[in-house]
Amino acid sequence: MEHADLDATIDRLAETVPPDELLLRRLKKRRLALRDQIARLERELDPQEPA
């Protein structure tokens, strides 16, 4: 849910003139970190190799 909220915030911020590049960069970095965390949790819950 936080990832989707960040997506929406980034989209709205990108439409402002002029966009706040530093804030956009920080939000995108946070979104990427969340995406990585989600992927890691999904791998832990559903491992590719049988245990």
PDB file of N, CA and C in Angstrom:
ATOM      1  N   MET A   1       0.828  -1.180   0.000  1.00  0.00           N
ATOM      2  CA  MET A   1       0.000   0.000   0.000  1.00  0.00           C
ATOM      3  C   MET A   1       0.883   1.258   0.000  1.00  0.00           C
ATOM      4  N   GLU A   2       1.960   1.211   0.783  1.00  0.00           N
ATOM      5  CA  GLU A   2       2.865   2.365   0.818  1.00  0.00           C
ATOM      6  C   GLU A   2       3.512   2.585  -0.553  1.00  0.00           C
ATOM      7  N   HIS A   3       3.814   1.487  -1.246  1.00  0.00           N
ATOM      8  CA  HIS A   3       4.416   1.587  -2.581  1.00  0.00           C
ATOM      9  C   HIS A   3       3.450   2.282  -3.535  1.00  0.00           C
ATOM     10  N   ALA A   4       2.177   1.922  -3.497  1.00  0.00           N
ATOM     11  CA  ALA A   4       1.172   2.546  -4.360  1.00  0.00           C
ATOM     12  C   ALA A   4       0.997   4.031  -4.014  1.00  0.00           C
ATOM     13  N   ASP A   5       1.051   4.357  -2.727  1.00  0.00           N
ATOM     14  CA  ASP A   5       0.960   5.753  -2.304  1.00  0.00           C
ATOM     15  C   ASP A   5       2.136   6.557  -2.846  1.00  0.00           C
ATOM     16  N   LEU A   6       3.329   5.974  -2.799  1.00  0.00           N
ATOM     17  CA  LEU A   6       4.505   6.653  -3.339  1.00  0.00           C
ATOM     18  C   LEU A   6       4.375   6.870  -4.840  1.00  0.00           C
ATOM     19  N   ASP A   7       3.851   5.868  -5.550  1.00  0.00           N
ATOM     20  CA  ASP A   7       3.627   6.016  -6.992  1.00  0.00           C
ATOM     21  C   ASP A   7       2.737   7.214  -7.281  1.00  0.00           C
ATOM     22  N   ALA A   8       1.647   7.317  -6.552  1.00  0.00           N
ATOM     23  CA  ALA A   8       0.700   8.417  -6.760  1.00  0.00           C
ATOM     24  C   ALA A   8       1.342   9.762  -6.425  1.00  0.00           C
ATOM     25  N   THR A   9       2.096   9.802  -5.348  1.00  0.00           N
ATOM     26  CA  THR A   9       2.760  11.048  -4.953  1.00  0.00           C
ATOM     27  C   THR A   9       3.787  11.471  -5.988  1.00  0.00           C
ATOM     28  N   ILE A  10       4.556  10.523  -6.480  1.00  0.00           N
ATOM     29  CA  ILE A  10       5.574  10.815  -7.495  1.00  0.00           C
ATOM     30  C   ILE A  10       4.905  11.334  -8.769  1.00  0.00           C
ATOM     31  N   ASP A  11       3.815  10.707  -9.181  1.00  0.00           N
ATOM     32  CA  ASP A  11       3.099  11.160 -10.378  1.00  0.00           C
ATOM     33  C   ASP A  11       2.599  12.589 -10.217  1.00  0.00           C
ATOM     34  N   ARG A  12       2.010  12.900  -9.062  1.00  0.00           N
ATOM     35  CA  ARG A  12       1.500  14.261  -8.831  1.00  0.00           C
ATOM     36  C   ARG A  12       2.639  15.273  -8.786  1.00  0.00           C
ATOM     37  N   LEU A  13       3.728  14.916  -8.129  1.00  0.00           N
ATOM     38  CA  LEU A  13       4.857  15.826  -7.998  1.00  0.00           C
ATOM     39  C   LEU A  13       5.524  16.075  -9.351  1.00  0.00           C
ATOM     40  N   ALA A  14       5.579  15.061 -10.195  1.00  0.00           N
ATOM     41  CA  ALA A  14       6.205  15.202 -11.509  1.00  0.00           C
ATOM     42  C   ALA A  14       5.427  16.163 -12.401  1.00  0.00           C
ATOM     43  N   GLU A  15       4.139  16.339 -12.121  1.00  0.00           N
ATOM     44  CA  GLU A  15       3.292  17.226 -12.928  1.00  0.00           C
ATOM     45  C   GLU A  15       3.437  18.691 -12.526  1.00  0.00           C
ATOM     46  N   THR A  16       4.040  18.983 -11.373  1.00  0.00           N
ATOM     47  CA  THR A  16       4.202  20.364 -10.937  1.00  0.00           C
ATOM     48  C   THR A  16       5.261  21.048 -11.786  1.00  0.00           C
ATOM     49  N   VAL A  17       5.132  22.355 -11.897  1.00  0.00           N
ATOM     50  CA  VAL A  17       6.095  23.118 -12.687  1.00  0.00           C
ATOM     51  C   VAL A  17       6.721  24.165 -11.796  1.00  0.00           C
ATOM     52  N   PRO A  18       8.005  24.195 -11.620  1.00  0.00           N
ATOM     53  CA  PRO A  18       8.965  23.141 -11.966  1.00  0.00           C
ATOM     54  C   PRO A  18       8.915  22.032 -10.911  1.00  0.00           C
ATOM     55  N   PRO A  19       9.192  20.812 -11.324  1.00  0.00           N
ATOM     56  CA  PRO A  19       9.165  19.709 -10.363  1.00  0.00           C
ATOM     57  C   PRO A  19      10.328  19.819  -9.368  1.00  0.00           C
ATOM     58  N   ASP A  20      10.107  19.378  -8.161  1.00  0.00           N
ATOM     59  CA  ASP A  20      11.148  19.359  -7.130  1.00  0.00           C
ATOM     60  C   ASP A  20      11.996  18.107  -7.360  1.00  0.00           C
ATOM     61  N   GLU A  21      13.091  18.273  -8.085  1.00  0.00           N
ATOM     62  CA  GLU A  21      13.917  17.137  -8.501  1.00  0.00           C
ATOM     63  C   GLU A  21      14.500  16.369  -7.315  1.00  0.00           C
ATOM     64  N   LEU A  22      14.918  17.078  -6.285  1.00  0.00           N
ATOM     65  CA  LEU A  22      15.504  16.416  -5.128  1.00  0.00           C
ATOM     66  C   LEU A  22      14.458  15.546  -4.424  1.00  0.00           C
ATOM     67  N   LEU A  23      13.272  16.082  -4.226  1.00  0.00           N
ATOM     68  CA  LEU A  23      12.205  15.322  -3.589  1.00  0.00           C
ATOM     69  C   LEU A  23      11.797  14.135  -4.454  1.00  0.00           C
ATOM     70  N   LEU A  24      11.713  14.345  -5.761  1.00  0.00           N
ATOM     71  CA  LEU A  24      11.386  13.240  -6.671  1.00  0.00           C
ATOM     72  C   LEU A  24      12.418  12.125  -6.559  1.00  0.00           C
ATOM     73  N   ARG A  25      13.684  12.496  -6.538  1.00  0.00           N
ATOM     74  CA  ARG A  25      14.753  11.505  -6.437  1.00  0.00           C
ATOM     75  C   ARG A  25      14.650  10.716  -5.137  1.00  0.00           C
ATOM     76  N   ARG A  26      14.378  11.416  -4.035  1.00  0.00           N
ATOM     77  CA  ARG A  26      14.256  10.751  -2.735  1.00  0.00           C
ATOM     78  C   ARG A  26      13.059   9.798  -2.711  1.00  0.00           C
ATOM     79  N   LEU A  27      11.932  10.245  -3.263  1.00  0.00           N
ATOM     80  CA  LEU A  27      10.741   9.397  -3.286  1.00  0.00           C
ATOM     81  C   LEU A  27      10.959   8.164  -4.156  1.00  0.00           C
ATOM     82  N   LYS A  28      11.612   8.342  -5.292  1.00  0.00           N
ATOM     83  CA  LYS A  28      11.871   7.207  -6.180  1.00  0.00           C
ATOM     84  C   LYS A  28      12.816   6.208  -5.521  1.00  0.00           C
ATOM     85  N   LYS A  29      13.789   6.714  -4.777  1.00  0.00           N
ATOM     86  CA  LYS A  29      14.718   5.829  -4.064  1.00  0.00           C
ATOM     87  C   LYS A  29      13.966   5.033  -3.000  1.00  0.00           C
ATOM     88  N   ARG A  30      13.061   5.696  -2.281  1.00  0.00           N
ATOM     89  CA  ARG A  30      12.254   5.009  -1.260  1.00  0.00           C
ATOM     90  C   ARG A  30      11.347   3.967  -1.904  1.00  0.00           C
ATOM     91  N   ARG A  31      10.756   4.313  -3.061  1.00  0.00           N
ATOM     92  CA  ARG A  31       9.883   3.374  -3.769  1.00  0.00           C
ATOM     93  C   ARG A  31      10.672   2.138  -4.200  1.00  0.00           C
ATOM     94  N   LEU A  32      11.883   2.324  -4.689  1.00  0.00           N
ATOM     95  CA  LEU A  32      12.729   1.203  -5.099  1.00  0.00           C
ATOM     96  C   LEU A  32      13.089   0.322  -3.901  1.00  0.00           C
ATOM     97  N   ALA A  33      13.393   0.951  -2.776  1.00  0.00           N
ATOM     98  CA  ALA A  33      13.713   0.178  -1.570  1.00  0.00           C
ATOM     99  C   ALA A  33      12.507  -0.653  -1.134  1.00  0.00           C
ATOM    100  N   LEU A  34      11.322  -0.076  -1.217  1.00  0.00           N
ATOM    101  CA  LEU A  34      10.114  -0.828  -0.864  1.00  0.00           C
ATOM    102  C   LEU A  34       9.883  -1.981  -1.825  1.00  0.00           C
ATOM    103  N   ARG A  35      10.102  -1.745  -3.118  1.00  0.00           N
ATOM    104  CA  ARG A  35       9.939  -2.800  -4.116  1.00  0.00           C
ATOM    105  C   ARG A  35      10.897  -3.950  -3.840  1.00  0.00           C
ATOM    106  N   ASP A  36      12.133  -3.624  -3.487  1.00  0.00           N
ATOM    107  CA  ASP A  36      13.113  -4.660  -3.155  1.00  0.00           C
ATOM    108  C   ASP A  36      12.699  -5.436  -1.907  1.00  0.00           C
ATOM    109  N   GLN A  37      12.188  -4.718  -0.912  1.00  0.00           N
ATOM    110  CA  GLN A  37      11.741  -5.369   0.322  1.00  0.00           C
ATOM    111  C   GLN A  37      10.560  -6.295   0.037  1.00  0.00           C
ATOM    112  N   ILE A  38       9.617  -5.859  -0.794  1.00  0.00           N
ATOM    113  CA  ILE A  38       8.466  -6.692  -1.162  1.00  0.00           C
ATOM    114  C   ILE A  38       8.938  -7.954  -1.882  1.00  0.00           C
ATOM    115  N   ALA A  39       9.860  -7.806  -2.813  1.00  0.00           N
ATOM    116  CA  ALA A  39      10.370  -8.954  -3.568  1.00  0.00           C
ATOM    117  C   ALA A  39      11.084  -9.938  -2.640  1.00  0.00           C
ATOM    118  N   ARG A  40      11.859  -9.413  -1.694  1.00  0.00           N
ATOM    119  CA  ARG A  40      12.560 -10.283  -0.749  1.00  0.00           C
ATOM    120  C   ARG A  40      11.566 -11.064   0.117  1.00  0.00           C
ATOM    121  N   LEU A  41      10.536 -10.391   0.592  1.00  0.00           N
ATOM    122  CA  LEU A  41       9.524 -11.063   1.408  1.00  0.00           C
ATOM    123  C   LEU A  41       8.771 -12.120   0.608  1.00  0.00           C
ATOM    124  N   GLU A  42       8.479 -11.815  -0.655  1.00  0.00           N
ATOM    125  CA  GLU A  42       7.793 -12.795  -1.502  1.00  0.00           C
ATOM    126  C   GLU A  42       8.658 -14.029  -1.724  1.00  0.00           C
ATOM    127  N   ARG A  43       9.973 -13.837  -1.918  1.00  0.00           N
ATOM    128  CA  ARG A  43      10.875 -14.976  -2.084  1.00  0.00           C
ATOM    129  C   ARG A  43      10.940 -15.815  -0.817  1.00  0.00           C
ATOM    130  N   GLU A  44      10.920 -15.159   0.339  1.00  0.00           N
ATOM    131  CA  GLU A  44      10.954 -15.900   1.602  1.00  0.00           C
ATOM    132  C   GLU A  44       9.681 -16.713   1.800  1.00  0.00           C
ATOM    133  N   LEU A  45       8.553 -16.177   1.380  1.00  0.00           N
ATOM    134  CA  LEU A  45       7.279 -16.873   1.550  1.00  0.00           C
ATOM    135  C   LEU A  45       7.085 -17.987   0.550  1.00  0.00           C
ATOM    136  N   ASP A  46       7.663 -17.829  -0.648  1.00  0.00           N
ATOM    137  CA  ASP A  46       7.477 -18.818  -1.711  1.00  0.00           C
ATOM    138  C   ASP A  46       8.841 -19.102  -2.358  1.00  0.00           C
ATOM    139  N   PRO A  47       9.679 -19.907  -1.682  1.00  0.00           N
ATOM    140  CA  PRO A  47      11.022 -20.174  -2.221  1.00  0.00           C
ATOM    141  C   PRO A  47      10.944 -20.940  -3.543  1.00  0.00           C
ATOM    142  N   GLN A  48      11.932 -20.701  -4.410  1.00  0.00           N
ATOM    143  CA  GLN A  48      11.969 -21.340  -5.720  1.00  0.00           C
ATOM    144  C   GLN A  48      12.352 -22.814  -5.621  1.00  0.00           C
ATOM    145  N   GLU A  49      13.244 -23.149  -4.698  1.00  0.00           N
ATOM    146  CA  GLU A  49      13.721 -24.527  -4.569  1.00  0.00           C
ATOM    147  C   GLU A  49      13.006 -25.221  -3.413  1.00  0.00           C
ATOM    148  N   PRO A  50      12.715 -26.497  -3.561  1.00  0.00           N
ATOM    149  CA  PRO A  50      12.091 -27.221  -2.440  1.00  0.00           C
ATOM    150  C   PRO A  50      13.045 -27.320  -1.252  1.00  0.00           C
ATOM    151  N   ALA A  51      12.479 -27.240  -0.073  1.00  0.00           N
ATOM    152  CA  ALA A  51      13.309 -27.272   1.144  1.00  0.00           C
ATOM    153  C   ALA A  51      13.757 -28.669   1.499  1.00  0.00           C
TER     154      ALA A  51
END
